PDB file of all heavy atoms in Angstrom:
ATOM      1  N   HIS A   1     -78.926-105.468-183.537  1.00  0.00           N
ATOM      2  CA  HIS A   1     -79.726-105.734-182.355  1.00  0.00           C
ATOM      3  C   HIS A   1     -80.667-104.563-181.975  1.00  0.00           C
ATOM      4  O   HIS A   1     -81.188-104.590-180.857  1.00  0.00           O
ATOM      5  CB  HIS A   1     -78.787-106.006-181.131  1.00  0.00           C
ATOM      6  CG  HIS A   1     -77.673-107.012-181.459  1.00  0.00           C
ATOM      7  ND1 HIS A   1     -77.960-108.365-181.557  1.00  0.00           N
ATOM      8  CD2 HIS A   1     -76.431-106.860-181.730  1.00  0.00           C
ATOM      9  CE1 HIS A   1     -76.826-108.998-181.873  1.00  0.00           C
ATOM     10  NE2 HIS A   1     -75.907-108.173-181.941  1.00  0.00           N
ATOM     11  N   ALA A   2     -80.872-103.655-182.821  1.00  0.00           N
ATOM     12  CA  ALA A   2     -81.683-102.516-182.483  1.00  0.00           C
ATOM     13  C   ALA A   2     -83.231-102.852-182.403  1.00  0.00           C
ATOM     14  O   ALA A   2     -83.628-103.772-183.178  1.00  0.00           O
ATOM     15  CB  ALA A   2     -81.511-101.401-183.469  1.00  0.00           C
ATOM     16  N   THR A   3     -83.941-102.204-181.499  1.00  0.00           N
ATOM     17  CA  THR A   3     -85.363-102.431-181.483  1.00  0.00           C
ATOM     18  C   THR A   3     -86.042-101.433-182.291  1.00  0.00           C
ATOM     19  O   THR A   3     -85.441-100.475-182.857  1.00  0.00           O
ATOM     20  CB  THR A   3     -85.878-102.254-179.966  1.00  0.00           C
ATOM     21  OG1 THR A   3     -85.537-100.834-179.589  1.00  0.00           O
ATOM     22  CG2 THR A   3     -85.086-103.148-179.035  1.00  0.00           C
ATOM     23  N   ILE A   4     -87.333-101.584-182.466  1.00  0.00           N
ATOM     24  CA  ILE A   4     -88.141-100.723-183.266  1.00  0.00           C
ATOM     25  C   ILE A   4     -88.067 -99.302-182.651  1.00  0.00           C
ATOM     26  O   ILE A   4     -88.024 -98.296-183.332  1.00  0.00           O
ATOM     27  CB  ILE A   4     -89.603-101.155-183.370  1.00  0.00           C
ATOM     28  CG1 ILE A   4     -89.715-102.547-184.084  1.00  0.00           C
ATOM     29  CG2 ILE A   4     -90.524-100.212-184.035  1.00  0.00           C
ATOM     30  CD1 ILE A   4     -89.290-102.455-185.569  1.00  0.00           C
ATOM     31  N   ASP A   5     -88.180 -99.234-181.350  1.00  0.00           N
ATOM     32  CA  ASP A   5     -88.144 -97.937-180.648  1.00  0.00           C
ATOM     33  C   ASP A   5     -86.886 -97.246-180.890  1.00  0.00           C
ATOM     34  O   ASP A   5     -86.874 -95.984-181.152  1.00  0.00           O
ATOM     35  CB  ASP A   5     -88.296 -98.179-179.117  1.00  0.00           C
ATOM     36  CG  ASP A   5     -89.697 -98.643-178.776  1.00  0.00           C
ATOM     37  OD1 ASP A   5     -90.584 -98.462-179.553  1.00  0.00           O
ATOM     38  OD2 ASP A   5     -89.842 -99.097-177.640  1.00  0.00           O
ATOM     39  N   THR A   6     -85.679 -97.962-181.010  1.00  0.00           N
ATOM     40  CA  THR A   6     -84.464 -97.342-181.323  1.00  0.00           C
ATOM     41  C   THR A   6     -84.378 -96.789-182.711  1.00  0.00           C
ATOM     42  O   THR A   6     -83.924 -95.643-182.939  1.00  0.00           O
ATOM     43  CB  THR A   6     -83.331 -98.341-181.117  1.00  0.00           C
ATOM     44  OG1 THR A   6     -83.340 -98.888-179.824  1.00  0.00           O
ATOM     45  CG2 THR A   6     -81.934 -97.619-181.364  1.00  0.00           C
ATOM     46  N   ALA A   7     -84.937 -97.512-183.637  1.00  0.00           N
ATOM     47  CA  ALA A   7     -84.952 -97.076-184.966  1.00  0.00           C
ATOM     48  C   ALA A   7     -85.903 -95.851-185.138  1.00  0.00           C
ATOM     49  O   ALA A   7     -85.555 -94.879-185.884  1.00  0.00           O
ATOM     50  CB  ALA A   7     -85.450 -98.231-185.938  1.00  0.00           C
ATOM     51  N   VAL A   8     -86.964 -95.857-184.476  1.00  0.00           N
ATOM     52  CA  VAL A   8     -87.968 -94.715-184.519  1.00  0.00           C
ATOM     53  C   VAL A   8     -87.262 -93.468-183.885  1.00  0.00           C
ATOM     54  O   VAL A   8     -87.423 -92.357-184.481  1.00  0.00           O
ATOM     55  CB  VAL A   8     -89.205 -95.092-183.803  1.00  0.00           C
ATOM     56  CG1 VAL A   8     -90.091 -93.838-183.647  1.00  0.00           C
ATOM     57  CG2 VAL A   8     -90.022 -96.188-184.570  1.00  0.00           C
ATOM     58  N   GLU A   9     -86.585 -93.607-182.766  1.00  0.00           N
ATOM     59  CA  GLU A   9     -85.941 -92.518-182.174  1.00  0.00           C
ATOM     60  C   GLU A   9     -84.855 -91.932-183.038  1.00  0.00           C
ATOM     61  O   GLU A   9     -84.741 -90.664-183.188  1.00  0.00           O
ATOM     62  CB  GLU A   9     -85.261 -92.988-180.833  1.00  0.00           C
ATOM     63  CG  GLU A   9     -84.547 -91.784-180.111  1.00  0.00           C
ATOM     64  CD  GLU A   9     -83.855 -92.255-178.811  1.00  0.00           C
ATOM     65  OE1 GLU A   9     -83.772 -93.454-178.560  1.00  0.00           O
ATOM     66  OE2 GLU A   9     -83.317 -91.387-178.111  1.00  0.00           O
ATOM     67  N   ALA A  10     -84.042 -92.780-183.686  1.00  0.00           N
ATOM     68  CA  ALA A  10     -83.015 -92.283-184.580  1.00  0.00           C
ATOM     69  C   ALA A  10     -83.616 -91.553-185.704  1.00  0.00           C
ATOM     70  O   ALA A  10     -83.086 -90.484-186.162  1.00  0.00           O
ATOM     71  CB  ALA A  10     -82.180 -93.473-185.117  1.00  0.00           C
ATOM     72  N   THR A  11     -84.721 -92.027-186.234  1.00  0.00           N
ATOM     73  CA  THR A  11     -85.358 -91.318-187.389  1.00  0.00           C
ATOM     74  C   THR A  11     -85.911 -89.985-186.957  1.00  0.00           C
ATOM     75  O   THR A  11     -85.878 -88.977-187.659  1.00  0.00           O
ATOM     76  CB  THR A  11     -86.509 -92.246-187.973  1.00  0.00           C
ATOM     77  OG1 THR A  11     -86.008 -93.459-188.413  1.00  0.00           O
ATOM     78  CG2 THR A  11     -87.198 -91.530-189.126  1.00  0.00           C
ATOM     79  N   ARG A  12     -86.475 -89.979-185.743  1.00  0.00           N
ATOM     80  CA  ARG A  12     -87.029 -88.690-185.206  1.00  0.00           C
ATOM     81  C   ARG A  12     -85.937 -87.632-185.015  1.00  0.00           C
ATOM     82  O   ARG A  12     -86.109 -86.450-185.350  1.00  0.00           O
ATOM     83  CB  ARG A  12     -87.664 -89.003-183.859  1.00  0.00           C
ATOM     84  CG  ARG A  12     -88.247 -87.736-183.210  1.00  0.00           C
ATOM     85  CD  ARG A  12     -88.831 -88.039-181.757  1.00  0.00           C
ATOM     86  NE  ARG A  12     -87.774 -88.564-180.899  1.00  0.00           N
ATOM     87  CZ  ARG A  12     -86.900 -87.823-180.269  1.00  0.00           C
ATOM     88  NH1 ARG A  12     -86.901 -86.499-180.404  1.00  0.00           N
ATOM     89  NH2 ARG A  12     -86.010 -88.417-179.507  1.00  0.00           N
ATOM     90  N   ILE A  13     -84.726 -88.116-184.613  1.00  0.00           N
ATOM     91  CA  ILE A  13     -83.602 -87.152-184.370  1.00  0.00           C
ATOM     92  C   ILE A  13     -83.092 -86.648-185.795  1.00  0.00           C
ATOM     93  O   ILE A  13     -82.702 -85.527-185.870  1.00  0.00           O
ATOM     94  CB  ILE A  13     -82.451 -87.894-183.698  1.00  0.00           C
ATOM     95  CG1 ILE A  13     -82.902 -88.197-182.265  1.00  0.00           C
ATOM     96  CG2 ILE A  13     -81.187 -87.010-183.666  1.00  0.00           C
ATOM     97  CD1 ILE A  13     -81.910 -89.141-181.508  1.00  0.00           C
ATOM     98  N   GLY A  14     -83.191 -87.473-186.793  1.00  0.00           N
ATOM     99  CA  GLY A  14     -82.803 -86.994-188.081  1.00  0.00           C
ATOM    100  C   GLY A  14     -82.097 -87.981-188.962  1.00  0.00           C
ATOM    101  O   GLY A  14     -81.516 -87.702-190.023  1.00  0.00           O
ATOM    102  N   ALA A  15     -82.052 -89.243-188.553  1.00  0.00           N
ATOM    103  CA  ALA A  15     -81.434 -90.314-189.379  1.00  0.00           C
ATOM    104  C   ALA A  15     -82.222 -90.451-190.704  1.00  0.00           C
ATOM    105  O   ALA A  15     -83.445 -90.389-190.643  1.00  0.00           O
ATOM    106  CB  ALA A  15     -81.372 -91.684-188.622  1.00  0.00           C
ATOM    107  N   PHE A  16     -81.577 -90.707-191.777  1.00  0.00           N
ATOM    108  CA  PHE A  16     -82.151 -90.843-192.996  1.00  0.00           C
ATOM    109  C   PHE A  16     -82.836 -92.223-193.227  1.00  0.00           C
ATOM    110  O   PHE A  16     -83.986 -92.384-193.662  1.00  0.00           O
ATOM    111  CB  PHE A  16     -81.112 -90.669-194.176  1.00  0.00           C
ATOM    112  CG  PHE A  16     -81.682 -90.964-195.502  1.00  0.00           C
ATOM    113  CD1 PHE A  16     -82.589 -90.126-196.233  1.00  0.00           C
ATOM    114  CD2 PHE A  16     -81.298 -92.125-196.167  1.00  0.00           C
ATOM    115  CE1 PHE A  16     -83.038 -90.470-197.444  1.00  0.00           C
ATOM    116  CE2 PHE A  16     -81.748 -92.423-197.466  1.00  0.00           C
ATOM    117  CZ  PHE A  16     -82.697 -91.629-198.063  1.00  0.00           C
ATOM    118  N   SER A  17     -82.141 -93.293-192.794  1.00  0.00           N
ATOM    119  CA  SER A  17     -82.696 -94.652-192.889  1.00  0.00           C
ATOM    120  C   SER A  17     -81.909 -95.559-191.935  1.00  0.00           C
ATOM    121  O   SER A  17     -81.051 -95.174-191.226  1.00  0.00           O
ATOM    122  CB  SER A  17     -82.615 -95.161-194.335  1.00  0.00           C
ATOM    123  OG  SER A  17     -81.255 -95.275-194.736  1.00  0.00           O
ATOM    124  N   PHE A  18     -82.346 -96.857-192.000  1.00  0.00           N
ATOM    125  CA  PHE A  18     -81.816 -97.819-191.092  1.00  0.00           C
ATOM    126  C   PHE A  18     -81.518 -99.127-191.775  1.00  0.00           C
ATOM    127  O   PHE A  18     -82.343 -99.626-192.607  1.00  0.00           O
ATOM    128  CB  PHE A  18     -82.851 -98.103-189.893  1.00  0.00           C
ATOM    129  CG  PHE A  18     -82.419 -99.166-188.962  1.00  0.00           C
ATOM    130  CD1 PHE A  18     -81.568 -98.913-187.907  1.00  0.00           C
ATOM    131  CD2 PHE A  18     -82.890-100.427-189.149  1.00  0.00           C
ATOM    132  CE1 PHE A  18     -81.229 -99.919-187.050  1.00  0.00           C
ATOM    133  CE2 PHE A  18     -82.542-101.471-188.310  1.00  0.00           C
ATOM    134  CZ  PHE A  18     -81.717-101.153-187.202  1.00  0.00           C
ATOM    135  N   LEU A  19     -80.312 -99.698-191.556  1.00  0.00           N
ATOM    136  CA  LEU A  19     -79.923-100.931-192.132  1.00  0.00           C
ATOM    137  C   LEU A  19     -79.734-102.009-191.037  1.00  0.00           C
ATOM    138  O   LEU A  19     -79.022-101.718-190.041  1.00  0.00           O
ATOM    139  CB  LEU A  19     -78.648-100.823-192.953  1.00  0.00           C
ATOM    140  CG  LEU A  19     -78.750-100.155-194.353  1.00  0.00           C
ATOM    141  CD1 LEU A  19     -77.371 -99.982-194.953  1.00  0.00           C
ATOM    142  CD2 LEU A  19     -79.673-100.909-195.249  1.00  0.00           C
ATOM    143  N   GLU A  20     -80.282-103.135-191.164  1.00  0.00           N
ATOM    144  CA  GLU A  20     -80.199-104.196-190.228  1.00  0.00           C
ATOM    145  C   GLU A  20     -79.074-105.111-190.583  1.00  0.00           C
ATOM    146  O   GLU A  20     -78.992-105.533-191.792  1.00  0.00           O
ATOM    147  CB  GLU A  20     -81.455-104.968-190.061  1.00  0.00           C
ATOM    148  CG  GLU A  20     -81.486-106.036-189.010  1.00  0.00           C
ATOM    149  CD  GLU A  20     -82.802-106.750-188.844  1.00  0.00           C
ATOM    150  OE1 GLU A  20     -83.738-106.466-189.645  1.00  0.00           O
ATOM    151  OE2 GLU A  20     -82.901-107.608-187.999  1.00  0.00           O
ATOM    152  N   LYS A  21     -78.114-105.437-189.643  1.00  0.00           N
ATOM    153  CA  LYS A  21     -77.056-106.381-189.935  1.00  0.00           C
ATOM    154  C   LYS A  21     -77.601-107.774-189.786  1.00  0.00           C
ATOM    155  O   LYS A  21     -78.497-108.067-189.041  1.00  0.00           O
ATOM    156  CB  LYS A  21     -75.918-106.178-188.932  1.00  0.00           C
ATOM    157  CG  LYS A  21     -75.288-104.781-189.037  1.00  0.00           C
ATOM    158  CD  LYS A  21     -74.197-104.652-187.994  1.00  0.00           C
ATOM    159  CE  LYS A  21     -73.478-103.310-188.010  1.00  0.00           C
ATOM    160  NZ  LYS A  21     -72.468-103.167-186.950  1.00  0.00           N
ATOM    161  N   PRO A  22     -77.006-108.753-190.542  1.00  0.00           N
ATOM    162  CA  PRO A  22     -75.919-108.574-191.567  1.00  0.00           C
ATOM    163  C   PRO A  22     -76.424-107.802-192.782  1.00  0.00           C
ATOM    164  O   PRO A  22     -77.595-108.059-193.253  1.00  0.00           O
ATOM    165  CB  PRO A  22     -75.552-109.995-191.893  1.00  0.00           C
ATOM    166  CG  PRO A  22     -76.750-110.838-191.623  1.00  0.00           C
ATOM    167  CD  PRO A  22     -77.405-110.174-190.451  1.00  0.00           C
ATOM    168  N   ILE A  23     -75.671-106.887-193.281  1.00  0.00           N
ATOM    169  CA  ILE A  23     -76.085-105.995-194.398  1.00  0.00           C
ATOM    170  C   ILE A  23     -75.665-106.694-195.773  1.00  0.00           C
ATOM    171  O   ILE A  23     -74.522-107.006-195.945  1.00  0.00           O
ATOM    172  CB  ILE A  23     -75.414-104.662-194.241  1.00  0.00           C
ATOM    173  CG1 ILE A  23     -75.711-103.991-192.936  1.00  0.00           C
ATOM    174  CG2 ILE A  23     -75.714-103.666-195.467  1.00  0.00           C
ATOM    175  CD1 ILE A  23     -74.944-102.743-192.614  1.00  0.00           C
ATOM    176  N   THR A  24     -76.659-106.829-196.547  1.00  0.00           N
ATOM    177  CA  THR A  24     -76.360-107.400-197.861  1.00  0.00           C
ATOM    178  C   THR A  24     -75.862-106.300-198.824  1.00  0.00           C
ATOM    179  O   THR A  24     -76.136-105.127-198.585  1.00  0.00           O
ATOM    180  CB  THR A  24     -77.556-108.032-198.546  1.00  0.00           C
ATOM    181  OG1 THR A  24     -78.624-107.009-198.780  1.00  0.00           O
ATOM    182  CG2 THR A  24     -78.163-109.131-197.598  1.00  0.00           C
ATOM    183  N   MET A  25     -75.131-106.699-199.844  1.00  0.00           N
ATOM    184  CA  MET A  25     -74.589-105.659-200.804  1.00  0.00           C
ATOM    185  C   MET A  25     -75.660-104.846-201.463  1.00  0.00           C
ATOM    186  O   MET A  25     -75.590-103.672-201.643  1.00  0.00           O
ATOM    187  CB  MET A  25     -73.725-106.389-201.808  1.00  0.00           C
ATOM    188  CG  MET A  25     -73.065-105.392-202.799  1.00  0.00           C
ATOM    189  SD  MET A  25     -72.045-106.174-204.140  1.00  0.00           S
ATOM    190  CE  MET A  25     -70.742-106.888-203.064  1.00  0.00           C
ATOM    191  N   GLN A  26     -76.811-105.585-201.815  1.00  0.00           N
ATOM    192  CA  GLN A  26     -77.877-104.954-202.545  1.00  0.00           C
ATOM    193  C   GLN A  26     -78.495-103.869-201.718  1.00  0.00           C
ATOM    194  O   GLN A  26     -78.787-102.772-202.118  1.00  0.00           O
ATOM    195  CB  GLN A  26     -78.904-105.963-202.975  1.00  0.00           C
ATOM    196  CG  GLN A  26     -78.421-106.902-204.102  1.00  0.00           C
ATOM    197  CD  GLN A  26     -77.641-108.044-203.505  1.00  0.00           C
ATOM    198  OE1 GLN A  26     -77.410-108.090-202.350  1.00  0.00           O
ATOM    199  NE2 GLN A  26     -77.340-109.043-204.404  1.00  0.00           N
ATOM    200  N   LYS A  27     -78.806-104.230-200.414  1.00  0.00           N
ATOM    201  CA  LYS A  27     -79.451-103.278-199.473  1.00  0.00           C
ATOM    202  C   LYS A  27     -78.500-102.114-199.224  1.00  0.00           C
ATOM    203  O   LYS A  27     -79.003-100.949-199.169  1.00  0.00           O
ATOM    204  CB  LYS A  27     -79.841-103.974-198.195  1.00  0.00           C
ATOM    205  CG  LYS A  27     -81.036-104.924-198.362  1.00  0.00           C
ATOM    206  CD  LYS A  27     -81.480-105.469-196.999  1.00  0.00           C
ATOM    207  CE  LYS A  27     -82.683-106.418-197.170  1.00  0.00           C
ATOM    208  NZ  LYS A  27     -82.992-107.010-195.877  1.00  0.00           N
TER     209      LYS A  27
END
């Protein structure tokens, strides 16, 4: 349920990447 702003903020803080649920095995 994360928004684009949330993903951008997490990346700015230092997150490596973002996975959107439901998460497939390949991703």
